[in-house]
Amino acid sequence: MQKDAIAIIQARMNSTRLPGKVLRKIGNKPMLHYVINQVRGSRLIEDIIIVTTTMSQDDVIVKYCKKNNIKCFRGSSTDLLDRYYKCAKKFGIDTIVRITSDCPLIDPRVVDRAISKFLKSSFDYVANNLEKHNGKWDNSPCNFPQGMTVEVSSFNVLEYAWKKAKKPSEREHVFPYVQFNPKLFRVSNFKYPRDLSFIRCTVDRLDDLKFVTELYKRFPKNKKFIEIKDIVKIVRKEPDLVKMNNRIAFDEGYKKSLKKDRKIGFR
C-alpha cells in the first residue's frame, strides 16, 4: 500500500437531477476539468483517480480521462462503496481522499486541511460534512460553502465498511457506515470559522450550474485555482447572486437513500 494521499473522484453521467452534469460546460470547459484542476492545487494530493461506472453512457468519462492522461477506474453503478473499495485495492491506496465531481470550486486548501489533520492524528476518518448535535454525529456543511466536502480515511477502514455495510445509504455514499458507528471508529471533523453554508457551490441542479458559471465569469483569469476567499469577495460585492440557488435543500441524495433504508426495514 502506498501511503501517499490519493484523491478518488466519483463521476457518472446518469445523475438523476441534472443528467450529464460532470461534462456540462462551465464557460468552454467541462465541469470535471474544474474539479480536477482545483484538486491539483492541493499540496498533499499525490495523484487523482476518477471512479466511474461500467455503464456504456460513462464511456465518455473514460474517454475524457484517457485524452487528459488521468487515471480512471470503472465499477458498480449502484454500489459506490464497492466502487471505491475496488479502486483503492487495485491501485494500492492507503490514504483515500474522497471528493465528488459536482464540486467545481472545491478549495485545495480545504483538501490539505483534511489530509493534514488525518495524517497527524489517530483518527480513522476525518471530514467536514458532519458535526455533533446532542452528542450524536449528523450531516452538516460545517459552516463551509456547500460543495467543499472532503473525506479522508485509510484503506483498512474503507475495507471494514465494505465488508459490514448493508443499508442503501451506506453503500451509495461510501462513508456513512464509518460516520455513524462511533463505537467502531474514531471520527473527527473540522469547521470553517464562520458560517458560509448559505453559499451553494455544489452542482446538483441547473440553477447550481448557472450560479457556478456566474462565479467563474468573475474570477481573475490568471488564478491557478480558486479559494473560498475568492468566492466570498464576489458574494460580498453581489449578495443577490446566492439567490440563484440557495433555496435548494442540502444533502438531497443522502436523504433519498435514507428513505430507501426505511422502505426495506432498516432503522
Protein backbone atom coordinates (compact mmCIF):
# COMPACT_ATOMS: atom_id res chain seq x y z
CA MET A 1 0.00 0.00 0.00
CA GLN A 2 1.25 3.47 -0.87
CA LYS A 3 0.99 5.95 2.00
CA ASP A 4 0.52 8.99 -0.24
CA ALA A 5 -2.89 10.67 -0.16
CA ILE A 6 -4.74 9.86 -3.39
CA ALA A 7 -7.90 11.68 -4.44
CA ILE A 8 -10.65 9.38 -5.70
CA ILE A 9 -13.25 11.47 -7.51
CA GLN A 10 -16.57 9.80 -8.31
CA ALA A 11 -18.19 10.71 -11.63
CA ARG A 12 -21.10 9.38 -13.68
CA MET A 13 -23.36 10.64 -16.46
CA ASN A 14 -26.77 9.46 -15.19
CA SER A 15 -27.26 11.97 -12.39
CA THR A 16 -30.96 11.99 -11.53
CA ARG A 17 -31.40 15.72 -11.01
CA LEU A 18 -29.00 17.02 -13.67
CA PRO A 19 -28.10 14.31 -16.22
CA GLY A 20 -24.62 14.52 -17.70
CA LYS A 21 -23.62 17.23 -15.26
CA VAL A 22 -19.97 16.16 -14.89
CA LEU A 23 -19.28 17.06 -18.54
CA ARG A 24 -21.60 20.05 -18.74
CA LYS A 25 -19.75 23.20 -19.72
CA ILE A 26 -18.73 26.00 -17.39
CA GLY A 27 -17.53 28.56 -19.88
CA ASN A 28 -15.83 26.47 -22.55
CA LYS A 29 -14.66 23.56 -20.38
CA PRO A 30 -16.50 20.62 -18.75
CA MET A 31 -17.19 20.76 -15.04
CA LEU A 32 -14.92 17.78 -14.40
CA HIS A 33 -11.98 19.84 -15.68
CA TYR A 34 -12.52 22.40 -12.92
CA VAL A 35 -12.85 19.76 -10.19
CA ILE A 36 -9.57 18.14 -11.24
CA ASN A 37 -7.81 21.48 -11.58
CA GLN A 38 -8.89 22.52 -8.10
CA VAL A 39 -7.73 19.23 -6.55
CA ARG A 40 -4.39 19.57 -8.33
CA GLY A 41 -3.88 22.75 -6.33
CA SER A 42 -3.53 20.61 -3.18
CA ARG A 43 -0.03 20.34 -1.74
CA LEU A 44 -0.74 16.92 -0.24
CA ILE A 45 -2.56 15.06 -3.03
CA GLU A 46 -0.11 12.84 -4.89
CA ASP A 47 -2.44 11.58 -7.60
CA ILE A 48 -6.03 11.68 -8.84
CA ILE A 49 -8.22 8.78 -9.97
CA ILE A 50 -11.68 9.15 -11.48
CA VAL A 51 -14.06 6.35 -10.50
CA THR A 52 -16.96 5.87 -12.87
CA THR A 53 -19.29 3.01 -13.71
CA THR A 54 -19.25 0.16 -16.21
CA MET A 55 -22.37 1.56 -17.91
CA SER A 56 -21.93 2.43 -21.58
CA GLN A 57 -23.08 6.00 -21.03
CA ASP A 58 -19.96 6.55 -18.92
CA ASP A 59 -17.64 5.65 -21.79
CA VAL A 60 -17.37 9.39 -22.45
CA ILE A 61 -15.87 9.92 -18.98
CA VAL A 62 -13.28 7.22 -19.64
CA LYS A 63 -12.52 8.82 -23.00
CA TYR A 64 -12.09 12.21 -21.33
CA CYS A 65 -9.70 10.73 -18.77
CA LYS A 66 -7.60 9.00 -21.44
CA LYS A 67 -7.41 12.17 -23.52
CA ASN A 68 -6.24 14.16 -20.50
CA ASN A 69 -3.91 11.49 -19.05
CA ILE A 70 -5.96 10.98 -15.89
CA LYS A 71 -6.22 7.60 -14.20
CA CYS A 72 -9.67 6.02 -14.31
CA PHE A 73 -11.41 3.05 -12.72
CA ARG A 74 -14.77 1.52 -13.58
CA GLY A 75 -17.03 -0.30 -11.14
CA SER A 76 -20.56 -0.75 -9.83
CA SER A 77 -23.20 1.76 -10.92
CA THR A 78 -25.28 1.28 -7.76
CA ASP A 79 -22.77 0.36 -5.03
CA LEU A 80 -20.43 3.34 -4.70
CA LEU A 81 -18.74 1.87 -1.61
CA ASP A 82 -17.82 -1.19 -3.66
CA ARG A 83 -16.53 1.01 -6.48
CA TYR A 84 -14.29 2.98 -4.11
CA TYR A 85 -13.02 -0.11 -2.33
CA LYS A 86 -12.10 -1.98 -5.51
CA CYS A 87 -10.41 1.11 -6.92
CA ALA A 88 -8.34 1.61 -3.77
CA LYS A 89 -7.43 -2.06 -3.72
CA LYS A 90 -6.38 -2.13 -7.38
CA PHE A 91 -4.16 0.94 -7.07
CA GLY A 92 -2.81 0.03 -3.63
CA ILE A 93 -4.01 3.21 -1.95
CA ASP A 94 -3.68 3.54 1.80
CA THR A 95 -4.85 7.13 2.38
CA ILE A 96 -8.10 7.68 0.50
CA VAL A 97 -9.39 11.20 -0.12
CA ARG A 98 -13.00 11.18 -1.33
CA ILE A 99 -14.16 14.10 -3.45
CA THR A 100 -17.25 14.31 -5.66
CA SER A 101 -17.31 15.53 -9.25
CA ASP A 102 -20.09 18.04 -8.58
CA CYS A 103 -17.75 20.37 -6.66
CA PRO A 104 -16.02 22.57 -9.28
CA LEU A 105 -14.96 25.06 -6.61
CA ILE A 106 -13.52 22.63 -4.07
CA ASP A 107 -10.82 24.65 -2.30
CA PRO A 108 -7.44 22.85 -2.38
CA ARG A 109 -6.57 24.41 0.97
CA VAL A 110 -9.62 22.67 2.48
CA VAL A 111 -8.41 19.42 0.94
CA ASP A 112 -5.00 19.92 2.54
CA ARG A 113 -6.54 20.74 5.90
CA ALA A 114 -8.48 17.46 5.90
CA ILE A 115 -5.47 15.37 4.87
CA SER A 116 -3.14 17.08 7.32
CA LYS A 117 -5.49 16.50 10.25
CA PHE A 118 -5.91 12.86 9.28
CA LEU A 119 -2.20 12.16 8.86
CA LYS A 120 -1.21 13.92 12.09
CA SER A 121 -3.83 12.21 14.24
CA SER A 122 -5.03 8.77 15.25
CA PHE A 123 -8.49 9.24 13.75
CA ASP A 124 -9.94 6.61 11.44
CA TYR A 125 -11.87 9.18 9.47
CA VAL A 126 -11.76 12.98 9.08
CA ALA A 127 -14.30 15.07 7.16
CA ASN A 128 -16.08 18.41 7.03
CA ASN A 129 -19.58 17.16 6.27
CA LEU A 130 -20.73 16.17 9.75
CA GLU A 131 -20.85 17.55 13.28
CA LYS A 132 -22.27 16.52 16.62
CA HIS A 133 -25.76 17.51 17.71
CA ASN A 134 -26.83 16.38 21.18
CA GLY A 135 -23.80 14.09 21.32
CA LYS A 136 -24.50 12.33 18.01
CA TRP A 137 -22.92 12.82 14.61
CA ASP A 138 -25.21 14.29 11.97
CA ASN A 139 -24.77 15.58 8.42
CA SER A 140 -23.70 19.22 8.23
CA PRO A 141 -21.84 21.60 5.88
CA CYS A 142 -19.74 22.59 8.93
CA ASN A 143 -20.01 26.30 8.03
CA PHE A 144 -18.26 25.77 4.69
CA PRO A 145 -19.92 26.81 1.44
CA GLN A 146 -21.78 23.75 0.15
CA GLY A 147 -19.54 21.92 -2.32
CA MET A 148 -16.40 21.88 -0.18
CA THR A 149 -16.74 18.37 1.23
CA VAL A 150 -13.57 16.34 1.75
CA GLU A 151 -13.47 12.91 3.42
CA VAL A 152 -10.28 11.06 4.37
CA SER A 153 -9.80 7.52 5.64
CA SER A 154 -7.36 4.64 5.50
CA PHE A 155 -7.80 1.61 3.27
CA ASN A 156 -8.33 -0.63 6.31
CA VAL A 157 -11.28 1.49 7.43
CA LEU A 158 -12.76 1.52 3.93
CA GLU A 159 -12.35 -2.25 3.70
CA TYR A 160 -14.08 -2.82 7.04
CA ALA A 161 -17.02 -0.66 5.93
CA TRP A 162 -17.14 -2.51 2.59
CA LYS A 163 -17.43 -5.85 4.42
CA LYS A 164 -20.01 -4.75 7.00
CA ALA A 165 -22.23 -2.05 5.45
CA LYS A 166 -25.71 -3.27 4.49
CA LYS A 167 -28.04 -0.28 4.18
CA PRO A 168 -28.62 1.51 0.85
CA SER A 169 -27.43 4.75 2.48
CA GLU A 170 -24.18 3.02 3.47
CA ARG A 171 -23.49 1.51 0.05
CA GLU A 172 -24.50 4.50 -2.06
CA HIS A 173 -22.48 7.14 -0.18
CA VAL A 174 -19.23 5.35 0.82
CA PHE A 175 -18.67 6.52 4.40
CA PRO A 176 -21.98 6.67 6.37
CA TYR A 177 -21.19 3.30 7.99
CA VAL A 178 -18.00 4.85 9.36
CA GLN A 179 -19.55 8.20 10.26
CA PHE A 180 -22.42 6.77 12.28
CA ASN A 181 -20.74 3.90 14.13
CA PRO A 182 -18.84 5.81 16.84
CA LYS A 183 -18.19 2.64 18.85
CA LEU A 184 -16.24 1.17 15.92
CA PHE A 185 -14.41 4.19 14.51
CA ARG A 186 -12.60 7.29 15.73
CA VAL A 187 -14.29 10.06 13.76
CA SER A 188 -13.38 13.75 13.68
CA ASN A 189 -14.48 16.81 11.76
CA PHE A 190 -13.27 20.36 11.10
CA LYS A 191 -15.27 23.54 10.56
CA TYR A 192 -14.93 26.90 8.86
CA PRO A 193 -14.63 29.76 11.40
CA ARG A 194 -17.80 31.50 10.21
CA ASP A 195 -21.00 30.27 8.61
CA LEU A 196 -20.82 30.38 4.81
CA SER A 197 -23.18 27.47 4.22
CA PHE A 198 -25.69 29.80 2.54
CA ILE A 199 -23.33 29.85 -0.46
CA ARG A 200 -24.10 26.79 -2.57
CA CYS A 201 -21.14 25.81 -4.78
CA THR A 202 -22.15 22.22 -5.41
CA VAL A 203 -23.80 21.44 -8.75
CA ASP A 204 -26.86 19.24 -8.41
CA ARG A 205 -29.40 21.19 -10.44
CA LEU A 206 -29.44 23.58 -13.38
CA ASP A 207 -29.62 26.64 -11.10
CA ASP A 208 -26.45 25.44 -9.37
CA LEU A 209 -24.66 25.24 -12.71
CA LYS A 210 -25.81 28.75 -13.60
CA PHE A 211 -24.58 30.11 -10.26
CA VAL A 212 -21.14 28.48 -10.50
CA THR A 213 -20.84 29.69 -14.11
CA GLU A 214 -21.55 33.25 -12.98
CA LEU A 215 -18.85 32.96 -10.30
CA TYR A 216 -16.27 31.68 -12.77
CA LYS A 217 -17.01 34.64 -15.05
CA ARG A 218 -15.96 36.94 -12.23
CA PHE A 219 -12.76 35.24 -11.04
CA PRO A 220 -9.44 36.71 -12.20
CA LYS A 221 -8.34 34.90 -15.36
CA ASN A 222 -4.79 34.35 -14.08
CA LYS A 223 -5.83 32.42 -10.94
CA LYS A 224 -4.38 28.89 -10.91
CA PHE A 225 -7.14 27.73 -8.56
CA ILE A 226 -9.99 29.27 -6.60
CA GLU A 227 -10.15 29.60 -2.81
CA ILE A 228 -13.07 30.31 -0.51
CA LYS A 229 -11.86 33.88 -0.04
CA ASP A 230 -12.28 34.48 -3.79
CA ILE A 231 -15.90 33.31 -3.63
CA VAL A 232 -16.64 35.44 -0.55
CA LYS A 233 -15.18 38.52 -2.25
CA ILE A 234 -17.64 38.18 -5.13
CA VAL A 235 -20.64 37.41 -2.93
CA ARG A 236 -19.91 40.47 -0.79
CA LYS A 237 -20.00 42.66 -3.90
CA GLU A 238 -23.08 40.95 -5.33
CA PRO A 239 -25.05 39.38 -2.46
CA ASP A 240 -28.08 38.70 -4.67
CA LEU A 241 -26.11 36.12 -6.66
CA VAL A 242 -26.68 33.47 -4.00
CA LYS A 243 -30.44 33.77 -4.51
CA MET A 244 -29.98 31.87 -7.77
CA ASN A 245 -29.70 28.54 -5.96
CA ASN A 246 -29.57 28.81 -2.18
CA ARG A 247 -33.13 27.55 -1.67
CA ILE A 248 -32.18 24.06 -2.85
CA ALA A 249 -32.18 21.58 0.04
CA PHE A 250 -28.86 20.43 1.48
CA ASP A 251 -27.91 16.76 1.02
CA GLU A 252 -30.84 15.69 -1.17
CA GLY A 253 -29.14 12.50 -2.39
CA TYR A 254 -28.36 11.15 1.06
CA LYS A 255 -31.86 11.88 2.30
CA LYS A 256 -33.21 9.90 -0.63
CA SER A 257 -31.05 6.92 0.39
CA LEU A 258 -32.34 7.13 3.98
CA LYS A 259 -35.87 6.74 2.63
CA LYS A 260 -34.74 3.54 0.90
CA ASP A 261 -33.37 2.29 4.23
CA ARG A 262 -36.74 2.77 5.91
CA LYS A 263 -38.64 1.30 2.98
CA ILE A 264 -36.81 -2.03 3.25
CA GLY A 265 -36.94 -2.14 7.05
CA PHE A 266 -33.68 -0.57 8.27
CA ARG A 267 -33.78 1.89 11.14
